[in-house]
Structures are given as C-alpha cells and as structure tokens.
C-alpha cells in the first residue's frame, strides 16, 4: 500500500539523512532527535504565517509535501550541526511547497445564480 501521509518521526529521519547525521536504517541520537523536533513546530508555523503552505498535523504530512519540508527542516537545523543556512535552497523549497499546495483548475463551467 502506498503511503499518503508521513509522520513527524519520518520527517526527522529524512532531515537527519540530509544532514548526514545518520545512515539509512540508523536511528537519530536523542540529542539530534530533540534538536530536529524543536524546529518542526516553528517551521510549520512560519510556513503558515508566510502563506506558503498550511500543515494541520505534523504527524500526517501529505506525501507530496514531505521532501521539500524535510529539506527545509534540514536547512533550518544546519547551524546546529555546523553548516550555514542555504538561502537559495530555502527559497527553492518554499517555491516548491507553494506550487504543490496551489489550487488546481477544475475546468468546470462556472454556475451563476441570477437574481
């Protein structure tokens, strides 16, 4: 069965892999897990405040939003692990999230009620 959502734990693991903190199949250390976990809620709130994307539940992240969100989390956590924030990558991931969450055309005829 294909996943339609990803969890907060999966998000932290994907960001940890992006930061080269772990190899596939390994678990994050408790310190690294806590560092990444502390950044998830502020990141999701910032994306909502900037009107980029609204994620209602961090334990039910739509699968299409998962990769750019994990890259944003890794980018935000970078300074805690010795790498600077990459502004260009941040902007690219935000554009991708905005594109993915944009309303799609329905191609239905507009119904009008005349008074």
Protein backbone atom coordinates (compact mmCIF):
# COMPACT_ATOMS: atom_id res chain seq x y z
CA UNK A 1 0.00 0.00 0.00
CA UNK A 2 1.27 3.46 -0.90
CA UNK A 3 1.66 5.98 1.91
CA UNK A 4 -0.48 9.09 1.60
CA UNK A 5 0.98 10.75 4.68
CA UNK A 6 4.27 10.78 6.53
CA UNK A 7 4.84 11.19 10.25
CA UNK A 8 6.84 13.65 12.30
CA UNK A 9 9.33 10.87 13.09
CA UNK A 10 9.81 10.14 9.37
CA UNK A 11 10.36 13.87 8.79
CA UNK A 12 13.11 13.97 11.42
CA UNK A 13 14.78 10.87 9.99
CA UNK A 14 14.72 12.28 6.44
CA UNK A 15 16.20 15.59 7.64
CA UNK A 16 18.84 13.65 9.61
CA UNK A 17 19.83 11.79 6.44
CA UNK A 18 20.04 15.09 4.55
CA UNK A 19 22.35 16.45 7.22
CA UNK A 20 24.43 13.23 7.10
CA UNK A 21 23.74 12.61 10.79
CA UNK A 22 22.68 9.02 10.12
CA UNK A 23 22.96 6.34 7.50
CA UNK A 24 19.87 4.56 6.14
CA UNK A 25 18.47 2.22 8.78
CA UNK A 26 20.07 4.02 11.72
CA UNK A 27 18.23 5.96 14.40
CA UNK A 28 18.91 9.53 15.42
CA UNK A 29 20.69 10.11 18.70
CA UNK A 30 18.39 11.52 21.41
CA UNK A 31 20.16 14.90 21.20
CA UNK A 32 19.84 15.13 17.41
CA UNK A 33 16.22 13.97 17.59
CA UNK A 34 15.41 16.66 20.16
CA UNK A 35 17.17 19.36 18.12
CA UNK A 36 15.21 18.50 14.98
CA UNK A 37 11.94 18.05 16.89
CA UNK A 38 12.27 21.51 18.45
CA UNK A 39 12.40 23.06 14.96
CA UNK A 40 9.39 21.33 13.39
CA UNK A 41 6.58 23.35 15.00
CA UNK A 42 8.24 26.76 14.43
CA UNK A 43 8.97 25.78 10.80
CA UNK A 44 5.36 24.73 10.17
CA UNK A 45 4.11 27.92 11.86
CA UNK A 46 6.45 30.06 9.77
CA UNK A 47 5.28 28.40 6.54
CA UNK A 48 1.65 29.08 7.52
CA UNK A 49 2.38 32.70 8.53
CA UNK A 50 4.15 33.31 5.22
CA UNK A 51 1.14 31.76 3.44
CA UNK A 52 3.34 29.18 1.75
CA UNK A 53 1.53 26.05 2.94
CA UNK A 54 -0.68 25.10 5.86
CA UNK A 55 0.08 21.76 7.52
CA UNK A 56 -2.63 20.93 10.05
CA UNK A 57 -0.99 17.90 11.65
CA UNK A 58 2.74 17.26 11.82
CA UNK A 59 2.00 13.54 12.22
CA UNK A 60 0.03 13.47 8.96
CA UNK A 61 2.14 15.33 6.40
CA UNK A 62 0.91 14.91 2.83
CA UNK A 63 3.43 12.78 0.99
CA UNK A 64 3.87 15.33 -1.83
CA UNK A 65 4.95 17.97 0.71
CA UNK A 66 7.31 15.64 2.58
CA UNK A 67 10.60 16.06 0.67
CA UNK A 68 10.67 19.86 0.39
CA UNK A 69 9.57 20.10 4.04
CA UNK A 70 12.34 17.73 5.15
CA UNK A 71 14.90 19.76 3.19
CA UNK A 72 13.63 22.95 4.85
CA UNK A 73 13.95 21.30 8.25
CA UNK A 74 17.49 20.16 7.48
CA UNK A 75 18.36 23.65 6.23
CA UNK A 76 16.93 25.28 9.38
CA UNK A 77 18.85 22.81 11.58
CA UNK A 78 22.09 23.27 9.65
CA UNK A 79 23.64 25.86 12.00
CA UNK A 80 23.12 23.49 14.95
CA UNK A 81 25.21 20.89 13.10
CA UNK A 82 27.92 23.13 11.68
CA UNK A 83 26.57 24.15 8.27
CA UNK A 84 25.17 27.56 7.34
CA UNK A 85 21.61 28.14 6.15
CA UNK A 86 21.44 27.96 2.36
CA UNK A 87 19.09 30.81 1.42
CA UNK A 88 18.78 29.77 -2.23
CA UNK A 89 17.79 26.20 -1.29
CA UNK A 90 15.32 27.56 1.27
CA UNK A 91 13.65 29.77 -1.32
CA UNK A 92 13.54 26.95 -3.86
CA UNK A 93 11.88 24.59 -1.37
CA UNK A 94 9.38 27.27 -0.34
CA UNK A 95 8.51 27.86 -4.03
CA UNK A 96 8.03 24.10 -4.48
CA UNK A 97 5.72 23.91 -1.45
CA UNK A 98 3.75 26.90 -2.73
CA UNK A 99 3.40 25.27 -6.15
CA UNK A 100 2.35 21.92 -4.70
CA UNK A 101 -0.31 23.45 -2.46
CA UNK A 102 -1.73 25.85 -5.06
CA UNK A 103 -5.30 25.32 -6.19
CA UNK A 104 -5.57 23.28 -9.34
CA UNK A 105 -8.01 24.20 -12.13
CA UNK A 106 -11.18 22.10 -12.22
CA UNK A 107 -12.21 23.04 -15.78
CA UNK A 108 -15.84 23.03 -14.67
CA UNK A 109 -18.25 25.61 -16.01
CA UNK A 110 -19.00 28.34 -13.50
CA UNK A 111 -22.57 28.15 -12.22
CA UNK A 112 -24.20 31.53 -11.84
CA UNK A 113 -27.34 32.39 -9.85
CA UNK A 114 -29.13 35.35 -11.35
CA UNK A 115 -31.32 37.29 -9.01
